[in-house]
Amino acid sequence: MAISTVGIIGAGQMGKGIAQVFAIAGFDVILHDNSTDVIATAKGDIADGLAKAAMHDDLATETQSAALGRITATDALADLASSDLIIETAIESESVKQAIFREVIPLLSADTILASNTSSISITRLAAGTDRPEKFMGMHFMNPVPRMQLVELIRGIATSETTFDAVKAVILKLGKVPVAAEDFPAFAVNRILMPMINEAIYTVYEGVGTVESIDISMKLGAHHPMGPLELADFIGLDICLANMNALDKGLADNKYRPCPLLTKYVEAGWLGRKSGRGFYDYRGEKPVPTR
């Protein structure tokens, strides 16, 4: 399975990061989004990211220019037809992801591999809704994609070894570290990370500590680079809640019950950095705790 052209569906935070690292590694990239505004923002952010990498000697100037030239941004799904690999990076909603694959599959070659960047949804279920479950798997990149080295690779029950090996080779070509995880709710990283974040939210909810005191405690007491609430805001509280709901539903264990405060913040539209407010308010000169 020779992979040279990669189609990425969704030009948000994850999609544009994935596009950037593939382009740097020499792949032709077709970046799709339904929104022309999102596409324009993504193109600008990718250009800025490449320029910063070149400025800090992480990337040669000529490589920066060539990488940018390998990315085609489009709002036409039909432009993905030449892709050898499709990576879906839409919101963490199973119905949305299934609808995307139903729409794009008729446009693709029978040999095209399908992948989802889902952080919690069953790969087996997503694959079962396609015409090629043996050519379907999970590719869970970490955020921010250009900086984070790990990629979780998740087989569905029908994923072939040929597909897995082809995708693993691609990840190695990106200079990242592939780690296999089984197809259980939230896989490995978020199975561990999200309950920790959820527990930190419970400590605020129960009055054990404030947002600031909990983040300081974990940074200085556990040597975490970011406090758990600061990290939750960075990830997106809607994503955290989706992961906790997947764990709660999929494993039926009360220890995975989402904290009611997390649910309230999401209901309020306080999703973290991307909405301007979460456990911190980002609308001023510096973040201010909201509790």
C-alpha atoms as a PDB file:
ATOM      1  CA  MET A   1       0.000   0.000   0.000  1.00  0.00           C
ATOM      2  CA  ALA A   2       1.951   3.008  -1.274  1.00  0.00           C
ATOM      3  CA  ILE A   3       0.737   6.179   0.409  1.00  0.00           C
ATOM      4  CA  SER A   4       1.773   9.483  -1.150  1.00  0.00           C
ATOM      5  CA  THR A   5      -1.393  11.632  -1.062  1.00  0.00           C
ATOM      6  CA  VAL A   6      -3.254  12.162   2.202  1.00  0.00           C
ATOM      7  CA  GLY A   7      -6.734  13.648   2.453  1.00  0.00           C
ATOM      8  CA  ILE A   8      -7.647  15.293   5.748  1.00  0.00           C
ATOM      9  CA  ILE A   9     -11.297  16.026   6.525  1.00  0.00           C
ATOM     10  CA  GLY A  10     -11.662  18.901   8.964  1.00  0.00           C
ATOM     11  CA  ALA A  11      -9.367  21.950   9.079  1.00  0.00           C
ATOM     12  CA  GLY A  12      -9.715  22.737  12.761  1.00  0.00           C
ATOM     13  CA  GLN A  13      -6.998  22.522  15.412  1.00  0.00           C
ATOM     14  CA  MET A  14      -6.210  18.856  14.803  1.00  0.00           C
ATOM     15  CA  GLY A  15      -6.717  18.811  11.034  1.00  0.00           C
ATOM     16  CA  LYS A  16      -4.397  21.707  10.303  1.00  0.00           C
ATOM     17  CA  GLY A  17      -1.729  20.296  12.613  1.00  0.00           C
ATOM     18  CA  ILE A  18      -1.904  16.897  10.916  1.00  0.00           C
ATOM     19  CA  ALA A  19      -1.730  18.583   7.492  1.00  0.00           C
ATOM     20  CA  GLN A  20       1.398  20.469   8.546  1.00  0.00           C
ATOM     21  CA  VAL A  21       3.360  17.422   9.709  1.00  0.00           C
ATOM     22  CA  PHE A  22       2.405  15.360   6.649  1.00  0.00           C
ATOM     23  CA  ALA A  23       3.482  18.161   4.304  1.00  0.00           C
ATOM     24  CA  ILE A  24       6.833  18.537   6.091  1.00  0.00           C
ATOM     25  CA  ALA A  25       7.392  14.776   5.703  1.00  0.00           C
ATOM     26  CA  GLY A  26       6.944  15.021   1.925  1.00  0.00           C
ATOM     27  CA  PHE A  27       3.341  13.885   1.468  1.00  0.00           C
ATOM     28  CA  ASP A  28       0.909  15.700  -0.813  1.00  0.00           C
ATOM     29  CA  VAL A  29      -1.949  16.903   1.393  1.00  0.00           C
ATOM     30  CA  ILE A  30      -5.536  17.742   0.496  1.00  0.00           C
ATOM     31  CA  LEU A  31      -7.102  19.583   3.438  1.00  0.00           C
ATOM     32  CA  HIS A  32     -10.907  19.744   3.325  1.00  0.00           C
ATOM     33  CA  ASP A  33     -13.437  21.677   5.340  1.00  0.00           C
ATOM     34  CA  ASN A  34     -17.012  22.748   4.563  1.00  0.00           C
ATOM     35  CA  SER A  35     -16.258  26.256   5.838  1.00  0.00           C
ATOM     36  CA  THR A  36     -14.185  28.563   3.632  1.00  0.00           C
ATOM     37  CA  ASP A  37     -13.480  30.730   6.703  1.00  0.00           C
ATOM     38  CA  VAL A  38     -12.035  27.729   8.571  1.00  0.00           C
ATOM     39  CA  ILE A  39      -9.927  26.846   5.526  1.00  0.00           C
ATOM     40  CA  ALA A  40      -8.557  30.395   5.292  1.00  0.00           C
ATOM     41  CA  THR A  41      -7.692  30.405   8.997  1.00  0.00           C
ATOM     42  CA  ALA A  42      -6.041  26.979   8.719  1.00  0.00           C
ATOM     43  CA  LYS A  43      -3.883  28.051   5.767  1.00  0.00           C
ATOM     44  CA  GLY A  44      -2.700  31.101   7.671  1.00  0.00           C
ATOM     45  CA  ASP A  45      -2.006  29.131  10.841  1.00  0.00           C
ATOM     46  CA  ILE A  46      -0.053  26.458   8.937  1.00  0.00           C
ATOM     47  CA  ALA A  47       2.040  29.132   7.214  1.00  0.00           C
ATOM     48  CA  ASP A  48       2.731  30.762  10.605  1.00  0.00           C
ATOM     49  CA  GLY A  49       3.630  27.389  12.158  1.00  0.00           C
ATOM     50  CA  LEU A  50       6.077  26.578   9.379  1.00  0.00           C
ATOM     51  CA  ALA A  51       7.625  30.053   9.567  1.00  0.00           C
ATOM     52  CA  LYS A  52       8.123  29.748  13.338  1.00  0.00           C
ATOM     53  CA  ALA A  53       9.745  26.337  12.910  1.00  0.00           C
ATOM     54  CA  ALA A  54      12.141  27.785  10.312  1.00  0.00           C
ATOM     55  CA  MET A  55      12.885  30.762  12.561  1.00  0.00           C
ATOM     56  CA  HIS A  56      13.910  28.444  15.398  1.00  0.00           C
ATOM     57  CA  ASP A  57      16.055  26.276  13.083  1.00  0.00           C
ATOM     58  CA  ASP A  58      13.673  23.325  13.463  1.00  0.00           C
ATOM     59  CA  LEU A  59      13.007  23.491   9.731  1.00  0.00           C
ATOM     60  CA  ALA A  60      15.053  24.678   6.748  1.00  0.00           C
ATOM     61  CA  THR A  61      13.553  27.639   4.881  1.00  0.00           C
ATOM     62  CA  GLU A  62      13.420  25.687   1.614  1.00  0.00           C
ATOM     63  CA  THR A  63      11.627  22.816   3.389  1.00  0.00           C
ATOM     64  CA  GLN A  64       9.125  25.318   4.802  1.00  0.00           C
ATOM     65  CA  SER A  65       8.345  26.653   1.342  1.00  0.00           C
ATOM     66  CA  ALA A  66       8.085  23.178  -0.216  1.00  0.00           C
ATOM     67  CA  ALA A  67       5.824  21.929   2.592  1.00  0.00           C
ATOM     68  CA  LEU A  68       3.421  24.822   2.136  1.00  0.00           C
ATOM     69  CA  GLY A  69       3.315  24.110  -1.596  1.00  0.00           C
ATOM     70  CA  ARG A  70       2.287  20.503  -0.968  1.00  0.00           C
ATOM     71  CA  ILE A  71      -0.945  21.484   0.814  1.00  0.00           C
ATOM     72  CA  THR A  72      -4.124  22.009  -1.199  1.00  0.00           C
ATOM     73  CA  ALA A  73      -7.047  23.412   0.795  1.00  0.00           C
ATOM     74  CA  THR A  74     -10.565  22.895  -0.527  1.00  0.00           C
ATOM     75  CA  ASP A  75     -14.238  22.983   0.418  1.00  0.00           C
ATOM     76  CA  ALA A  76     -15.108  20.429  -2.301  1.00  0.00           C
ATOM     77  CA  LEU A  77     -15.208  16.857  -1.001  1.00  0.00           C
ATOM     78  CA  ALA A  78     -14.691  15.541  -4.547  1.00  0.00           C
ATOM     79  CA  ASP A  79     -11.139  16.933  -4.468  1.00  0.00           C
ATOM     80  CA  LEU A  80     -10.222  14.139  -2.029  1.00  0.00           C
ATOM     81  CA  ALA A  81     -10.721  11.473  -4.717  1.00  0.00           C
ATOM     82  CA  SER A  82      -7.003  10.976  -5.399  1.00  0.00           C
ATOM     83  CA  SER A  83      -6.155  10.299  -1.715  1.00  0.00           C
ATOM     84  CA  ASP A  84      -4.357   7.082  -0.739  1.00  0.00           C
ATOM     85  CA  LEU A  85      -5.232   7.708   2.914  1.00  0.00           C
ATOM     86  CA  ILE A  86      -8.161   9.656   4.370  1.00  0.00           C
ATOM     87  CA  ILE A  87      -7.941  10.967   7.941  1.00  0.00           C
ATOM     88  CA  GLU A  88     -11.182  12.282   9.462  1.00  0.00           C
ATOM     89  CA  THR A  89     -10.737  14.908  12.204  1.00  0.00           C
ATOM     90  CA  ALA A  90     -14.324  16.084  12.787  1.00  0.00           C
ATOM     91  CA  ILE A  91     -15.936  16.768  16.174  1.00  0.00           C
ATOM     92  CA  GLU A  92     -16.165  13.884  18.643  1.00  0.00           C
ATOM     93  CA  SER A  93     -19.604  12.740  17.477  1.00  0.00           C
ATOM     94  CA  GLU A  94     -20.123   9.223  16.150  1.00  0.00           C
ATOM     95  CA  SER A  95     -23.065  10.218  13.945  1.00  0.00           C
ATOM     96  CA  VAL A  96     -21.114  13.101  12.374  1.00  0.00           C
ATOM     97  CA  LYS A  97     -18.125  10.866  11.668  1.00  0.00           C
ATOM     98  CA  GLN A  98     -20.297   8.132  10.161  1.00  0.00           C
ATOM     99  CA  ALA A  99     -22.019  10.672   7.903  1.00  0.00           C
ATOM    100  CA  ILE A 100     -18.651  11.965   6.678  1.00  0.00           C
ATOM    101  CA  PHE A 101     -17.450   8.501   5.709  1.00  0.00           C
ATOM    102  CA  ARG A 102     -20.742   7.709   3.960  1.00  0.00           C
ATOM    103  CA  GLU A 103     -20.359  10.860   1.887  1.00  0.00           C
ATOM    104  CA  VAL A 104     -16.692  10.505   0.956  1.00  0.00           C
ATOM    105  CA  ILE A 105     -16.454   6.743   0.268  1.00  0.00           C
ATOM    106  CA  PRO A 106     -18.204   6.804  -3.154  1.00  0.00           C
ATOM    107  CA  LEU A 107     -15.557   9.284  -4.354  1.00  0.00           C
ATOM    108  CA  LEU A 108     -12.558   7.121  -3.418  1.00  0.00           C
ATOM    109  CA  SER A 109     -10.567   4.280  -4.908  1.00  0.00           C
ATOM    110  CA  ALA A 110     -11.268   0.836  -3.442  1.00  0.00           C
ATOM    111  CA  ASP A 111      -7.656   0.803  -2.208  1.00  0.00           C
ATOM    112  CA  THR A 112      -7.904   4.006  -0.156  1.00  0.00           C
ATOM    113  CA  ILE A 113      -7.312   3.495   3.569  1.00  0.00           C
ATOM    114  CA  LEU A 114      -9.735   5.227   5.946  1.00  0.00           C
ATOM    115  CA  ALA A 115      -8.734   6.495   9.386  1.00  0.00           C
ATOM    116  CA  SER A 116     -10.349   8.464  12.186  1.00  0.00           C
ATOM    117  CA  ASN A 117      -8.572  10.768  14.618  1.00  0.00           C
ATOM    118  CA  THR A 118     -11.234  10.008  17.232  1.00  0.00           C
ATOM    119  CA  SER A 119     -10.016  10.066  20.814  1.00  0.00           C
ATOM    120  CA  SER A 120     -12.717   7.810  22.266  1.00  0.00           C
ATOM    121  CA  ILE A 121     -15.205   6.316  19.767  1.00  0.00           C
ATOM    122  CA  SER A 122     -15.188   2.619  18.811  1.00  0.00           C
ATOM    123  CA  ILE A 123     -13.119   2.033  15.675  1.00  0.00           C
ATOM    124  CA  THR A 124     -14.960  -1.252  15.089  1.00  0.00           C
ATOM    125  CA  ARG A 125     -18.338   0.539  15.004  1.00  0.00           C
ATOM    126  CA  LEU A 126     -17.093   3.293  12.711  1.00  0.00           C
ATOM    127  CA  ALA A 127     -15.493   0.722  10.386  1.00  0.00           C
ATOM    128  CA  ALA A 128     -18.644  -1.402  10.268  1.00  0.00           C
ATOM    129  CA  GLY A 129     -20.512   1.504   8.683  1.00  0.00           C
ATOM    130  CA  THR A 130     -18.109   1.609   5.726  1.00  0.00           C
ATOM    131  CA  ASP A 131     -17.519  -0.597   2.687  1.00  0.00           C
ATOM    132  CA  ARG A 132     -13.967  -1.476   3.813  1.00  0.00           C
ATOM    133  CA  PRO A 133     -13.663  -2.343   7.517  1.00  0.00           C
ATOM    134  CA  GLU A 134     -10.392  -4.184   6.783  1.00  0.00           C
ATOM    135  CA  LYS A 135      -8.934  -0.864   5.504  1.00  0.00           C
ATOM    136  CA  PHE A 136     -10.151   1.220   8.447  1.00  0.00           C
ATOM    137  CA  MET A 137      -8.338   2.109  11.692  1.00  0.00           C
ATOM    138  CA  GLY A 138      -7.812   4.776  14.311  1.00  0.00           C
ATOM    139  CA  MET A 139      -4.967   7.299  14.105  1.00  0.00           C
ATOM    140  CA  HIS A 140      -5.154   9.331  17.310  1.00  0.00           C
ATOM    141  CA  PHE A 141      -2.728  12.258  17.098  1.00  0.00           C
ATOM    142  CA  MET A 142      -1.956  14.270  20.229  1.00  0.00           C
ATOM    143  CA  ASN A 143      -2.570  18.030  20.464  1.00  0.00           C
ATOM    144  CA  PRO A 144      -0.680  20.148  19.406  1.00  0.00           C
ATOM    145  CA  VAL A 145       0.215  17.802  16.549  1.00  0.00           C
ATOM    146  CA  PRO A 146       3.471  19.479  15.382  1.00  0.00           C
ATOM    147  CA  ARG A 147       4.982  19.244  18.886  1.00  0.00           C
ATOM    148  CA  MET A 148       3.640  15.963  20.269  1.00  0.00           C
ATOM    149  CA  GLN A 149       5.504  12.808  19.273  1.00  0.00           C
ATOM    150  CA  LEU A 150       2.964  10.092  20.092  1.00  0.00           C
ATOM    151  CA  VAL A 151       0.313   8.681  17.751  1.00  0.00           C
ATOM    152  CA  GLU A 152      -2.036   5.976  19.022  1.00  0.00           C
ATOM    153  CA  LEU A 153      -2.841   3.364  16.367  1.00  0.00           C
ATOM    154  CA  ILE A 154      -6.074   1.460  16.981  1.00  0.00           C
ATOM    155  CA  ARG A 155      -7.217  -1.608  15.058  1.00  0.00           C
ATOM    156  CA  GLY A 156     -10.882  -2.371  14.650  1.00  0.00           C
ATOM    157  CA  ILE A 157     -11.834  -6.037  14.879  1.00  0.00           C
ATOM    158  CA  ALA A 158     -11.620  -6.323  11.062  1.00  0.00           C
ATOM    159  CA  THR A 159      -8.524  -4.155  10.434  1.00  0.00           C
ATOM    160  CA  SER A 160      -6.004  -6.092   8.349  1.00  0.00           C
ATOM    161  CA  GLU A 161      -2.344  -6.365   9.286  1.00  0.00           C
ATOM    162  CA  THR A 162      -1.475  -4.922   5.855  1.00  0.00           C
ATOM    163  CA  THR A 163      -3.465  -1.782   6.685  1.00  0.00           C
ATOM    164  CA  PHE A 164      -1.934  -1.499  10.156  1.00  0.00           C
ATOM    165  CA  ASP A 165       1.601  -1.924   8.825  1.00  0.00           C
ATOM    166  CA  ALA A 166       1.050   0.650   6.070  1.00  0.00           C
ATOM    167  CA  VAL A 167      -0.236   3.252   8.533  1.00  0.00           C
ATOM    168  CA  LYS A 168       2.519   2.486  11.034  1.00  0.00           C
ATOM    169  CA  ALA A 169       5.119   3.068   8.293  1.00  0.00           C
ATOM    170  CA  VAL A 170       3.510   6.436   7.541  1.00  0.00           C
ATOM    171  CA  ILE A 171       3.714   7.498  11.190  1.00  0.00           C
ATOM    172  CA  LEU A 172       7.391   6.547  11.304  1.00  0.00           C
ATOM    173  CA  LYS A 173       7.979   8.632   8.170  1.00  0.00           C
ATOM    174  CA  LEU A 174       6.466  11.593  10.016  1.00  0.00           C
ATOM    175  CA  GLY A 175       9.167  11.148  12.664  1.00  0.00           C
ATOM    176  CA  LYS A 176       6.587  10.299  15.310  1.00  0.00           C
ATOM    177  CA  VAL A 177       6.251   7.319  17.648  1.00  0.00           C
ATOM    178  CA  PRO A 178       3.399   4.882  16.906  1.00  0.00           C
ATOM    179  CA  VAL A 179       1.909   2.979  19.845  1.00  0.00           C
ATOM    180  CA  ALA A 180      -0.756   0.314  19.393  1.00  0.00           C
ATOM    181  CA  ALA A 181      -3.834   0.558  21.617  1.00  0.00           C
ATOM    182  CA  GLU A 182      -6.789  -1.795  21.768  1.00  0.00           C
ATOM    183  CA  ASP A 183     -10.262  -0.711  20.684  1.00  0.00           C
ATOM    184  CA  PHE A 184     -11.721   0.013  24.120  1.00  0.00           C
ATOM    185  CA  PRO A 185     -13.420   3.302  25.085  1.00  0.00           C
ATOM    186  CA  ALA A 186     -10.923   6.225  25.030  1.00  0.00           C
ATOM    187  CA  PHE A 187      -8.093   3.796  24.097  1.00  0.00           C
ATOM    188  CA  ALA A 188      -4.956   4.202  26.285  1.00  0.00           C
ATOM    189  CA  VAL A 189      -3.928   7.855  26.671  1.00  0.00           C
ATOM    190  CA  ASN A 190      -7.391   9.253  27.380  1.00  0.00           C
ATOM    191  CA  ARG A 191      -8.394   6.231  29.448  1.00  0.00           C
ATOM    192  CA  ILE A 192      -5.753   7.452  31.903  1.00  0.00           C
ATOM    193  CA  LEU A 193      -5.721  11.221  31.277  1.00  0.00           C
ATOM    194  CA  MET A 194      -9.431  12.062  31.217  1.00  0.00           C
ATOM    195  CA  PRO A 195     -10.340  10.501  34.592  1.00  0.00           C
ATOM    196  CA  MET A 196      -7.469  12.500  36.115  1.00  0.00           C
ATOM    197  CA  ILE A 197      -8.871  15.712  34.640  1.00  0.00           C
ATOM    198  CA  ASN A 198     -12.383  14.716  35.726  1.00  0.00           C
ATOM    199  CA  GLU A 199     -11.132  14.102  39.280  1.00  0.00           C
ATOM    200  CA  ALA A 200      -9.464  17.525  39.292  1.00  0.00           C
ATOM    201  CA  ILE A 201     -12.824  19.049  38.328  1.00  0.00           C
ATOM    202  CA  TYR A 202     -14.480  17.118  41.173  1.00  0.00           C
ATOM    203  CA  THR A 203     -11.976  18.619  43.624  1.00  0.00           C
ATOM    204  CA  VAL A 204     -13.124  22.090  42.519  1.00  0.00           C
ATOM    205  CA  TYR A 205     -16.785  21.026  42.575  1.00  0.00           C
ATOM    206  CA  GLU A 206     -16.452  19.665  46.131  1.00  0.00           C
ATOM    207  CA  GLY A 207     -14.515  22.694  47.383  1.00  0.00           C
ATOM    208  CA  VAL A 208     -11.269  20.827  48.076  1.00  0.00           C
ATOM    209  CA  GLY A 209      -9.349  23.537  46.246  1.00  0.00           C
ATOM    210  CA  THR A 210      -9.682  26.372  43.794  1.00  0.00           C
ATOM    211  CA  VAL A 211      -8.856  26.140  40.106  1.00  0.00           C
ATOM    212  CA  GLU A 212      -5.581  27.951  40.686  1.00  0.00           C
ATOM    213  CA  SER A 213      -4.534  25.991  43.770  1.00  0.00           C
ATOM    214  CA  ILE A 214      -5.196  22.632  42.093  1.00  0.00           C
ATOM    215  CA  ASP A 215      -3.224  23.544  38.974  1.00  0.00           C
ATOM    216  CA  ILE A 216      -0.315  24.902  41.026  1.00  0.00           C
ATOM    217  CA  SER A 217      -0.358  21.778  43.214  1.00  0.00           C
ATOM    218  CA  MET A 218      -0.117  19.411  40.244  1.00  0.00           C
ATOM    219  CA  LYS A 219       2.542  21.459  38.457  1.00  0.00           C
ATOM    220  CA  LEU A 220       4.791  21.800  41.503  1.00  0.00           C
ATOM    221  CA  GLY A 221       3.796  18.650  43.376  1.00  0.00           C
ATOM    222  CA  ALA A 222       3.626  16.186  40.482  1.00  0.00           C
ATOM    223  CA  HIS A 223       5.906  18.023  38.013  1.00  0.00           C
ATOM    224  CA  HIS A 224       3.176  18.308  35.353  1.00  0.00           C
ATOM    225  CA  PRO A 225       3.967  20.906  32.670  1.00  0.00           C
ATOM    226  CA  MET A 226       0.344  22.126  32.787  1.00  0.00           C
ATOM    227  CA  GLY A 227      -2.209  21.865  35.560  1.00  0.00           C
ATOM    228  CA  PRO A 228      -5.132  19.511  34.833  1.00  0.00           C
ATOM    229  CA  LEU A 229      -7.687  22.337  34.576  1.00  0.00           C
ATOM    230  CA  GLU A 230      -5.438  24.421  32.350  1.00  0.00           C
ATOM    231  CA  LEU A 231      -4.962  21.300  30.231  1.00  0.00           C
ATOM    232  CA  ALA A 232      -8.714  20.666  30.097  1.00  0.00           C
ATOM    233  CA  ASP A 233      -9.223  24.188  28.751  1.00  0.00           C
ATOM    234  CA  PHE A 234      -6.510  23.594  26.154  1.00  0.00           C
ATOM    235  CA  ILE A 235      -8.050  20.300  25.007  1.00  0.00           C
ATOM    236  CA  GLY A 236     -11.607  21.664  25.052  1.00  0.00           C
ATOM    237  CA  LEU A 237     -14.125  20.882  27.765  1.00  0.00           C
ATOM    238  CA  ASP A 238     -16.549  19.487  25.190  1.00  0.00           C
ATOM    239  CA  ILE A 239     -13.892  16.967  24.138  1.00  0.00           C
ATOM    240  CA  CYS A 240     -13.224  16.071  27.790  1.00  0.00           C
ATOM    241  CA  LEU A 241     -16.939  15.521  28.382  1.00  0.00           C
ATOM    242  CA  ALA A 242     -17.298  13.402  25.222  1.00  0.00           C
ATOM    243  CA  ASN A 243     -14.429  11.202  26.396  1.00  0.00           C
ATOM    244  CA  MET A 244     -15.877  10.807  29.884  1.00  0.00           C
ATOM    245  CA  ASN A 245     -19.304   9.967  28.448  1.00  0.00           C
ATOM    246  CA  ALA A 246     -17.688   7.332  26.210  1.00  0.00           C
ATOM    247  CA  LEU A 247     -15.902   5.817  29.211  1.00  0.00           C
ATOM    248  CA  ASP A 248     -19.022   5.972  31.386  1.00  0.00           C
ATOM    249  CA  LYS A 249     -21.229   4.366  28.746  1.00  0.00           C
ATOM    250  CA  GLY A 250     -18.683   1.882  27.396  1.00  0.00           C
ATOM    251  CA  LEU A 251     -17.297   0.556  30.683  1.00  0.00           C
ATOM    252  CA  ALA A 252     -20.368   0.990  32.929  1.00  0.00           C
ATOM    253  CA  ASP A 253     -18.274   1.857  35.959  1.00  0.00           C
ATOM    254  CA  ASN A 254     -19.365   4.721  38.227  1.00  0.00           C
ATOM    255  CA  LYS A 255     -15.763   5.931  38.567  1.00  0.00           C
ATOM    256  CA  TYR A 256     -16.042   7.312  35.016  1.00  0.00           C
ATOM    257  CA  ARG A 257     -19.134   9.448  35.744  1.00  0.00           C
ATOM    258  CA  PRO A 258     -18.510  12.963  34.351  1.00  0.00           C
ATOM    259  CA  CYS A 259     -18.387  15.618  37.046  1.00  0.00           C
ATOM    260  CA  PRO A 260     -21.617  17.689  37.005  1.00  0.00           C
ATOM    261  CA  LEU A 261     -19.506  20.856  36.947  1.00  0.00           C
ATOM    262  CA  LEU A 262     -17.867  19.744  33.691  1.00  0.00           C
ATOM    263  CA  THR A 263     -21.318  19.182  32.203  1.00  0.00           C
ATOM    264  CA  LYS A 264     -22.475  22.629  33.367  1.00  0.00           C
ATOM    265  CA  TYR A 265     -19.494  24.390  31.809  1.00  0.00           C
ATOM    266  CA  VAL A 266     -20.155  22.671  28.483  1.00  0.00           C
ATOM    267  CA  GLU A 267     -23.859  23.505  28.673  1.00  0.00           C
ATOM    268  CA  ALA A 268     -22.892  27.148  29.244  1.00  0.00           C
ATOM    269  CA  GLY A 269     -20.658  27.111  26.177  1.00  0.00           C
ATOM    270  CA  TRP A 270     -17.582  27.609  28.341  1.00  0.00           C
ATOM    271  CA  LEU A 271     -15.409  25.182  26.402  1.00  0.00           C
ATOM    272  CA  GLY A 272     -11.966  26.517  27.293  1.00  0.00           C
ATOM    273  CA  ARG A 273      -9.488  28.462  25.195  1.00  0.00           C
ATOM    274  CA  LYS A 274     -11.405  28.080  21.940  1.00  0.00           C
ATOM    275  CA  SER A 275     -14.523  29.795  23.349  1.00  0.00           C
ATOM    276  CA  GLY A 276     -12.705  32.360  25.520  1.00  0.00           C
ATOM    277  CA  ARG A 277     -13.848  30.886  28.844  1.00  0.00           C
ATOM    278  CA  GLY A 278     -13.545  27.602  30.666  1.00  0.00           C
ATOM    279  CA  PHE A 279     -11.905  27.059  34.033  1.00  0.00           C
ATOM    280  CA  TYR A 280     -10.025  30.243  33.133  1.00  0.00           C
ATOM    281  CA  ASP A 281     -11.290  33.397  31.458  1.00  0.00           C
ATOM    282  CA  TYR A 282      -9.028  34.165  28.475  1.00  0.00           C
ATOM    283  CA  ARG A 283     -10.658  37.402  27.345  1.00  0.00           C
ATOM    284  CA  GLY A 284      -8.288  39.729  29.176  1.00  0.00           C
ATOM    285  CA  GLU A 285      -4.536  40.259  29.111  1.00  0.00           C
ATOM    286  CA  LYS A 286      -3.909  37.098  31.117  1.00  0.00           C
ATOM    287  CA  PRO A 287      -6.039  34.055  32.065  1.00  0.00           C
ATOM    288  CA  VAL A 288      -8.102  34.502  35.238  1.00  0.00           C
ATOM    289  CA  PRO A 289      -9.643  31.528  37.125  1.00  0.00           C
ATOM    290  CA  THR A 290     -13.438  31.382  36.848  1.00  0.00           C
ATOM    291  CA  ARG A 291     -13.857  29.624  40.221  1.00  0.00           C
END
